Amino acid sequence: MQQTTRLKRLVASALLALALPAIAPAATAADYSAKQISLIVGAPPGGPFDLTARLIGEKLSAQFKQPIVIENRPGASGVVGFQAINKAAPDGYTIGMGATGLITLKFMLAAYNIDPVNGYTHIVEVSAAPLVVTVNAAQPYKSLAELIAYLKASPGKVNFGALPGAVAMDVSTFASMIGTTVNPIPYAGSAAQQQAIATGELPVAFDNFLIAKPFVDGGKTRLLAVVSSKRFPMFGDLPAIAEQVPGYEGTVNWFSVIGPPGMPNDVVTTLNRAINTAIREPDLKKRLNDGGQEVVGGSPEELRALVARETERMTRAAKQLGMQPQ
């Protein structure tokens, strides 16, 4: 009987030993940089989102001595990329770029049902990228105050570029707070919208600085303000909308690095430390500043708190504007 029991234990131990190799161990800080890392970007190559990812990827590759593979997963305004990040194995070898769209997509697309706060591991905020008020150079308004006066004098008649998501919400909130209405015109992206501003097809829009800059430098368009509650040093003397519209906040777009839920804490700490180091290197910081991004950094907890605050703020705004996901 005793021999039978011992034999059963030996068989059980052998079976357990065979099963263990099939269980992929989670990455730890000690061995994390031993494998290739994929960084998912929910946008096509060439834009600010993709550029930021590639700058981060270059620095991480140098630190970890391993390739960082940028995987562009465009589609459905970023949904394809965010879903891929959410569903990835939480071993730390597939991470991705986060942005304001983590939140705003919930108010646009019923198919996007990932909780912005708990549906991801929040690793670090990379940068803040406020929008700017950009207008066609031939328009009569040469300051934010003049633009506001013009809009109030022509309620509902001025075409106003409104990219889907947070930008459309910001445009509606801006018009409401100055006591008028505008005619929001949706564009597929910043490139098309800025081309429309430059040619005079569209008089005014809230848009991304990096895309607007070549047209500003060429004299086709001009900037009137930052779509924010405060000024940003990289924009010099450009005023914030809140200086003319007290209480206006606007959506300051942010870029972050995130991962699937449940990533090991030590790997999150390793990545957080590495990215904080990278974005403070002078060359990368200058590249981000030149593109209209202010370096932020910080802890995973600070990024998670930002996402929670912005989710609450945008939920209130969407309710006030009567927005319903389609």
Protein backbone atom coordinates (compact mmCIF):
# COMPACT_ATOMS: atom_id res chain seq x y z
CA MET A 1 0.00 0.00 0.00
CA GLN A 2 2.81 2.33 0.97
CA GLN A 3 4.67 1.51 -2.25
CA THR A 4 1.51 2.22 -4.31
CA THR A 5 1.07 5.62 -2.64
CA ARG A 6 4.69 6.50 -3.30
CA LEU A 7 4.32 5.47 -6.95
CA LYS A 8 1.26 7.73 -7.34
CA ARG A 9 3.21 10.66 -5.91
CA LEU A 10 6.08 10.07 -8.32
CA VAL A 11 3.70 9.92 -11.28
CA ALA A 12 1.95 13.13 -10.13
CA SER A 13 5.29 14.91 -9.76
CA ALA A 14 6.37 13.82 -13.22
CA LEU A 15 3.13 15.04 -14.79
CA LEU A 16 3.47 18.40 -13.01
CA ALA A 17 7.04 18.75 -14.27
CA LEU A 18 5.87 18.12 -17.83
CA ALA A 19 3.08 20.67 -17.51
CA LEU A 20 5.18 23.50 -16.11
CA PRO A 21 7.17 24.35 -19.26
CA ALA A 22 3.89 24.95 -21.11
CA ILE A 23 3.07 27.80 -18.74
CA ALA A 24 4.77 30.96 -20.02
CA PRO A 25 6.33 32.77 -17.07
CA ALA A 26 5.60 36.47 -16.72
CA ALA A 27 8.51 38.76 -17.50
CA THR A 28 10.44 40.07 -14.54
CA ALA A 29 12.61 43.15 -14.28
CA ALA A 30 15.76 40.98 -14.28
CA ASP A 31 15.10 39.27 -17.62
CA TYR A 32 12.67 41.71 -19.24
CA SER A 33 15.09 43.12 -21.81
CA ALA A 34 16.07 39.66 -23.05
CA LYS A 35 13.35 39.58 -25.72
CA GLN A 36 12.01 41.73 -28.53
CA ILE A 37 9.21 44.15 -27.53
CA SER A 38 6.30 45.18 -29.78
CA LEU A 39 4.84 48.68 -29.52
CA ILE A 40 1.36 48.95 -31.05
CA VAL A 41 0.27 52.26 -32.60
CA GLY A 42 -3.39 52.64 -33.55
CA ALA A 43 -2.61 54.98 -36.45
CA PRO A 44 -0.87 54.85 -39.84
CA PRO A 45 2.79 55.88 -40.17
CA GLY A 46 3.66 59.55 -40.47
CA GLY A 47 1.46 61.39 -37.99
CA PRO A 48 2.27 62.75 -34.50
CA PHE A 49 1.06 59.55 -32.79
CA ASP A 50 3.33 57.37 -34.92
CA LEU A 51 6.28 59.79 -34.70
CA THR A 52 6.11 59.84 -30.90
CA ALA A 53 6.04 56.03 -30.78
CA ARG A 54 9.10 55.77 -33.01
CA LEU A 55 11.07 58.27 -30.95
CA ILE A 56 10.24 56.32 -27.79
CA GLY A 57 11.03 53.03 -29.53
CA GLU A 58 14.49 54.20 -30.59
CA LYS A 59 15.41 55.19 -27.04
CA LEU A 60 14.06 51.98 -25.48
CA SER A 61 15.91 49.89 -28.05
CA ALA A 62 19.16 51.61 -27.10
CA GLN A 63 18.53 51.09 -23.39
CA PHE A 64 17.39 47.46 -23.57
CA LYS A 65 19.76 46.44 -26.39
CA GLN A 66 16.79 44.82 -28.09
CA PRO A 67 14.70 45.86 -31.12
CA ILE A 68 11.43 47.65 -30.38
CA VAL A 69 9.09 46.75 -33.23
CA ILE A 70 6.52 49.42 -34.10
CA GLU A 71 3.27 47.75 -35.16
CA ASN A 72 0.91 50.17 -36.89
CA ARG A 73 -2.69 49.00 -36.43
CA PRO A 74 -4.81 51.80 -37.94
CA GLY A 75 -8.56 51.54 -38.23
CA ALA A 76 -11.83 52.80 -36.76
CA SER A 77 -10.31 56.02 -35.36
CA GLY A 78 -7.85 54.04 -33.23
CA VAL A 79 -10.20 51.31 -32.00
CA VAL A 80 -8.27 48.53 -33.80
CA GLY A 81 -5.02 49.46 -32.07
CA PHE A 82 -6.54 49.93 -28.62
CA GLN A 83 -8.36 46.60 -28.83
CA ALA A 84 -5.13 44.85 -29.82
CA ILE A 85 -3.37 46.33 -26.78
CA ASN A 86 -6.22 45.37 -24.47
CA LYS A 87 -6.23 41.74 -25.69
CA ALA A 88 -2.46 41.18 -25.73
CA ALA A 89 -0.78 38.77 -23.33
CA PRO A 90 0.12 40.69 -20.14
CA ASP A 91 3.73 39.54 -20.18
CA GLY A 92 5.18 42.95 -20.99
CA TYR A 93 6.36 42.09 -24.51
CA THR A 94 3.40 43.75 -26.23
CA ILE A 95 2.69 47.32 -25.17
CA GLY A 96 1.23 50.27 -27.05
CA MET A 97 0.61 53.95 -27.34
CA GLY A 98 -2.28 55.48 -25.47
CA ALA A 99 -3.95 58.81 -26.16
CA THR A 100 -7.07 60.85 -25.47
CA GLY A 101 -8.95 58.53 -27.81
CA LEU A 102 -8.93 55.87 -25.06
CA ILE A 103 -11.71 57.98 -23.55
CA THR A 104 -13.40 59.87 -26.38
CA LEU A 105 -14.06 56.75 -28.45
CA LYS A 106 -16.54 55.64 -25.78
CA PHE A 107 -18.74 58.60 -26.73
CA MET A 108 -18.39 58.03 -30.48
CA LEU A 109 -18.54 54.30 -31.17
CA ALA A 110 -20.81 51.82 -29.43
CA ALA A 111 -18.48 49.02 -30.56
CA TYR A 112 -15.69 50.39 -28.36
CA ASN A 113 -16.55 49.17 -24.88
CA ILE A 114 -13.19 49.05 -23.09
CA ASP A 115 -13.02 50.78 -19.72
CA PRO A 116 -10.36 53.52 -20.18
CA VAL A 117 -9.24 53.26 -16.55
CA ASN A 118 -9.30 49.52 -15.86
CA GLY A 119 -9.02 48.10 -19.38
CA TYR A 120 -5.30 48.83 -19.63
CA THR A 121 -2.13 48.92 -17.57
CA HIS A 122 -1.15 52.60 -17.46
CA ILE A 123 2.64 52.87 -17.61
CA VAL A 124 3.61 56.53 -18.15
CA GLU A 125 2.36 59.76 -19.71
CA VAL A 126 4.83 60.78 -22.40
CA SER A 127 3.64 64.23 -23.42
CA ALA A 128 0.82 66.76 -23.54
CA ALA A 129 -0.10 68.07 -26.99
CA PRO A 130 -2.65 70.89 -26.86
CA LEU A 131 -4.59 71.82 -29.96
CA VAL A 132 -4.34 75.27 -31.49
CA VAL A 133 -6.90 77.59 -33.05
CA THR A 134 -5.84 77.83 -36.69
CA VAL A 135 -7.45 80.13 -39.26
CA ASN A 136 -7.05 80.94 -42.93
CA ALA A 137 -4.65 83.87 -43.32
CA ALA A 138 -7.14 85.86 -45.44
CA GLN A 139 -9.82 85.91 -42.72
CA PRO A 140 -10.50 89.30 -41.08
CA TYR A 141 -10.03 88.15 -37.47
CA LYS A 142 -6.44 88.46 -36.30
CA SER A 143 -6.88 87.61 -32.61
CA LEU A 144 -8.98 85.27 -30.51
CA ALA A 145 -11.10 88.21 -29.30
CA GLU A 146 -11.84 89.20 -32.90
CA LEU A 147 -12.73 85.62 -33.80
CA ILE A 148 -15.15 85.38 -30.88
CA ALA A 149 -16.81 88.66 -31.89
CA TYR A 150 -17.12 87.40 -35.47
CA LEU A 151 -18.68 84.10 -34.41
CA LYS A 152 -21.15 85.83 -32.10
CA ALA A 153 -22.18 88.17 -34.90
CA SER A 154 -22.88 85.25 -37.26
CA PRO A 155 -24.53 82.49 -35.20
CA GLY A 156 -24.72 79.16 -37.00
CA LYS A 157 -23.19 80.55 -40.20
CA VAL A 158 -19.45 79.97 -39.78
CA ASN A 159 -18.03 76.63 -40.89
CA PHE A 160 -15.78 75.34 -38.11
CA GLY A 161 -13.51 72.34 -38.55
CA ALA A 162 -14.39 69.66 -36.01
CA LEU A 163 -12.40 66.45 -36.12
CA PRO A 164 -14.41 63.54 -34.64
CA GLY A 165 -14.15 62.85 -30.93
CA ALA A 166 -12.63 65.22 -28.40
CA VAL A 167 -12.15 68.02 -30.93
CA ALA A 168 -15.82 68.04 -31.90
CA MET A 169 -16.72 68.17 -28.21
CA ASP A 170 -14.30 71.05 -27.65
CA VAL A 171 -15.71 73.04 -30.58
CA SER A 172 -19.29 72.63 -29.33
CA THR A 173 -18.29 73.54 -25.77
CA PHE A 174 -16.40 76.62 -26.99
CA ALA A 175 -19.36 77.86 -29.04
CA SER A 176 -21.75 77.26 -26.16
CA MET A 177 -19.57 79.10 -23.66
CA ILE A 178 -19.30 82.21 -25.85
CA GLY A 179 -23.06 82.19 -26.40
CA THR A 180 -23.32 81.28 -30.07
CA THR A 181 -23.46 78.33 -32.47
CA VAL A 182 -21.20 77.28 -35.34
CA ASN A 183 -21.54 74.91 -38.27
CA PRO A 184 -19.22 72.00 -37.39
CA ILE A 185 -17.57 70.40 -40.42
CA PRO A 186 -16.07 66.93 -39.85
CA TYR A 187 -12.84 66.00 -41.60
CA ALA A 188 -11.21 62.58 -41.81
CA GLY A 189 -7.98 63.86 -40.29
CA SER A 190 -5.74 66.82 -39.57
CA ALA A 191 -3.96 66.72 -42.94
CA ALA A 192 -7.20 67.15 -44.89
CA GLN A 193 -8.48 69.75 -42.46
CA GLN A 194 -5.31 71.86 -42.63
CA GLN A 195 -5.32 71.71 -46.43
CA ALA A 196 -8.88 73.04 -46.33
CA ILE A 197 -7.81 75.89 -44.02
CA ALA A 198 -4.85 76.78 -46.24
CA THR A 199 -6.96 76.95 -49.43
CA GLY A 200 -9.75 78.94 -47.79
CA GLU A 201 -12.30 76.14 -48.10
CA LEU A 202 -12.55 76.21 -44.30
CA PRO A 203 -12.08 79.43 -42.30
CA VAL A 204 -11.26 78.13 -38.82
CA ALA A 205 -10.56 74.92 -36.89
CA PHE A 206 -9.06 73.43 -33.75
CA ASP A 207 -6.17 71.27 -34.87
CA ASN A 208 -2.81 69.68 -34.19
CA PHE A 209 0.17 72.05 -34.19
CA LEU A 210 2.56 69.68 -35.96
CA ILE A 211 0.23 69.37 -38.95
CA ALA A 212 -0.61 73.09 -38.95
CA LYS A 213 3.00 74.32 -38.68
CA PRO A 214 4.06 74.01 -42.37
CA PHE A 215 1.02 76.03 -43.44
CA VAL A 216 1.69 78.65 -40.77
CA ASP A 217 5.35 78.87 -41.82
CA GLY A 218 4.22 79.26 -45.43
CA GLY A 219 1.90 82.14 -44.59
CA LYS A 220 -1.25 80.27 -45.60
CA THR A 221 -2.69 80.08 -42.10
CA ARG A 222 -2.13 81.67 -38.69
CA LEU A 223 -2.57 80.64 -35.08
CA LEU A 224 -4.80 82.57 -32.69
CA ALA A 225 -4.71 80.62 -29.44
CA VAL A 226 -4.04 77.39 -27.58
CA VAL A 227 -7.15 75.26 -26.98
CA SER A 228 -6.53 75.07 -23.25
CA SER A 229 -6.96 76.65 -19.84
CA LYS A 230 -3.29 77.74 -19.78
CA ARG A 231 -0.41 78.79 -22.00
CA PHE A 232 2.34 76.39 -23.05
CA PRO A 233 5.99 77.53 -23.18
CA MET A 234 6.72 75.98 -26.58
CA PHE A 235 4.08 78.27 -28.15
CA GLY A 236 5.66 81.48 -26.90
CA ASP A 237 3.14 84.30 -26.40
CA LEU A 238 0.19 82.43 -27.92
CA PRO A 239 -2.71 82.96 -25.47
CA ALA A 240 -4.98 80.26 -24.08
CA ILE A 241 -8.69 80.27 -24.90
CA ALA A 242 -9.48 80.51 -21.18
CA GLU A 243 -7.97 84.01 -21.15
CA GLN A 244 -10.95 85.15 -23.24
CA VAL A 245 -13.42 82.49 -22.11
CA PRO A 246 -13.06 82.05 -18.32
CA GLY A 247 -13.58 78.46 -17.19
CA TYR A 248 -12.85 76.93 -20.58
CA GLU A 249 -10.71 73.79 -20.30
CA GLY A 250 -10.50 72.08 -23.65
CA THR A 251 -8.93 68.71 -24.27
CA VAL A 252 -5.17 68.76 -24.02
CA ASN A 253 -4.29 65.69 -26.04
CA TRP A 254 -1.83 63.43 -24.30
CA PHE A 255 0.27 60.55 -25.49
CA SER A 256 1.14 57.70 -23.15
CA VAL A 257 2.54 54.19 -23.08
CA ILE A 258 0.10 51.54 -21.93
CA GLY A 259 -0.25 47.77 -21.89
CA PRO A 260 -2.89 45.09 -21.44
CA PRO A 261 -4.43 44.79 -17.98
CA GLY A 262 -2.57 42.66 -15.45
CA MET A 263 1.05 43.38 -16.37
CA PRO A 264 3.62 42.49 -13.66
CA ASN A 265 4.40 45.42 -11.37
CA ASP A 266 8.16 45.05 -11.71
CA VAL A 267 7.97 45.19 -15.51
CA VAL A 268 5.75 48.28 -15.33
CA THR A 269 8.32 49.89 -13.02
CA THR A 270 11.15 48.99 -15.42
CA LEU A 271 9.33 50.47 -18.41
CA ASN A 272 8.26 53.56 -16.49
CA ARG A 273 11.82 54.27 -15.41
CA ALA A 274 13.22 53.70 -18.92
CA ILE A 275 10.66 55.95 -20.64
CA ASN A 276 11.04 58.73 -18.07
CA THR A 277 14.78 58.64 -18.78
CA ALA A 278 14.22 58.64 -22.55
CA ILE A 279 11.87 61.63 -22.77
CA ARG A 280 14.25 63.79 -20.76
CA GLU A 281 17.14 63.28 -23.14
CA PRO A 282 17.73 66.65 -24.83
CA ASP A 283 17.39 65.45 -28.43
CA LEU A 284 14.09 63.64 -27.87
CA LYS A 285 12.71 66.47 -25.73
CA LYS A 286 13.51 68.98 -28.49
CA ARG A 287 11.86 66.79 -31.14
CA LEU A 288 8.70 66.60 -29.06
CA ASN A 289 8.70 70.34 -28.31
CA ASP A 290 9.19 71.17 -31.99
CA GLY A 291 6.11 69.09 -32.71
CA GLY A 292 3.98 70.98 -30.21
CA GLN A 293 4.31 68.46 -27.38
CA GLU A 294 5.32 69.24 -23.82
CA VAL A 295 7.24 66.44 -22.09
CA VAL A 296 5.43 65.18 -18.98
CA GLY A 297 6.60 61.83 -17.56
CA GLY A 298 5.67 60.72 -14.05
CA SER A 299 4.40 57.58 -12.37
CA PRO A 300 1.88 54.95 -13.48
CA GLU A 301 -0.43 56.15 -10.71
CA GLU A 302 -0.35 59.71 -12.05
CA LEU A 303 -1.28 58.56 -15.55
CA ARG A 304 -4.11 56.40 -14.22
CA ALA A 305 -5.41 59.39 -12.22
CA LEU A 306 -5.29 61.58 -15.35
CA VAL A 307 -7.33 59.04 -17.32
CA ALA A 308 -9.88 58.83 -14.50
CA ARG A 309 -10.22 62.64 -14.29
CA GLU A 310 -10.55 63.08 -18.04
CA THR A 311 -13.09 60.26 -18.28
CA GLU A 312 -15.23 62.00 -15.68
CA ARG A 313 -14.87 65.41 -17.37
CA MET A 314 -15.68 64.11 -20.85
CA THR A 315 -18.63 62.12 -19.53
CA ARG A 316 -20.10 65.34 -18.16
CA ALA A 317 -19.42 67.19 -21.43
CA ALA A 318 -20.94 64.42 -23.57
CA LYS A 319 -24.06 64.42 -21.37
CA GLN A 320 -24.43 68.20 -21.64
CA LEU A 321 -24.03 68.06 -25.43
CA GLY A 322 -26.37 65.08 -25.77
CA MET A 323 -23.76 62.94 -27.52
CA GLN A 324 -24.65 59.30 -28.12
CA PRO A 325 -22.27 56.62 -29.44
CA GLN A 326 -23.18 55.34 -32.89
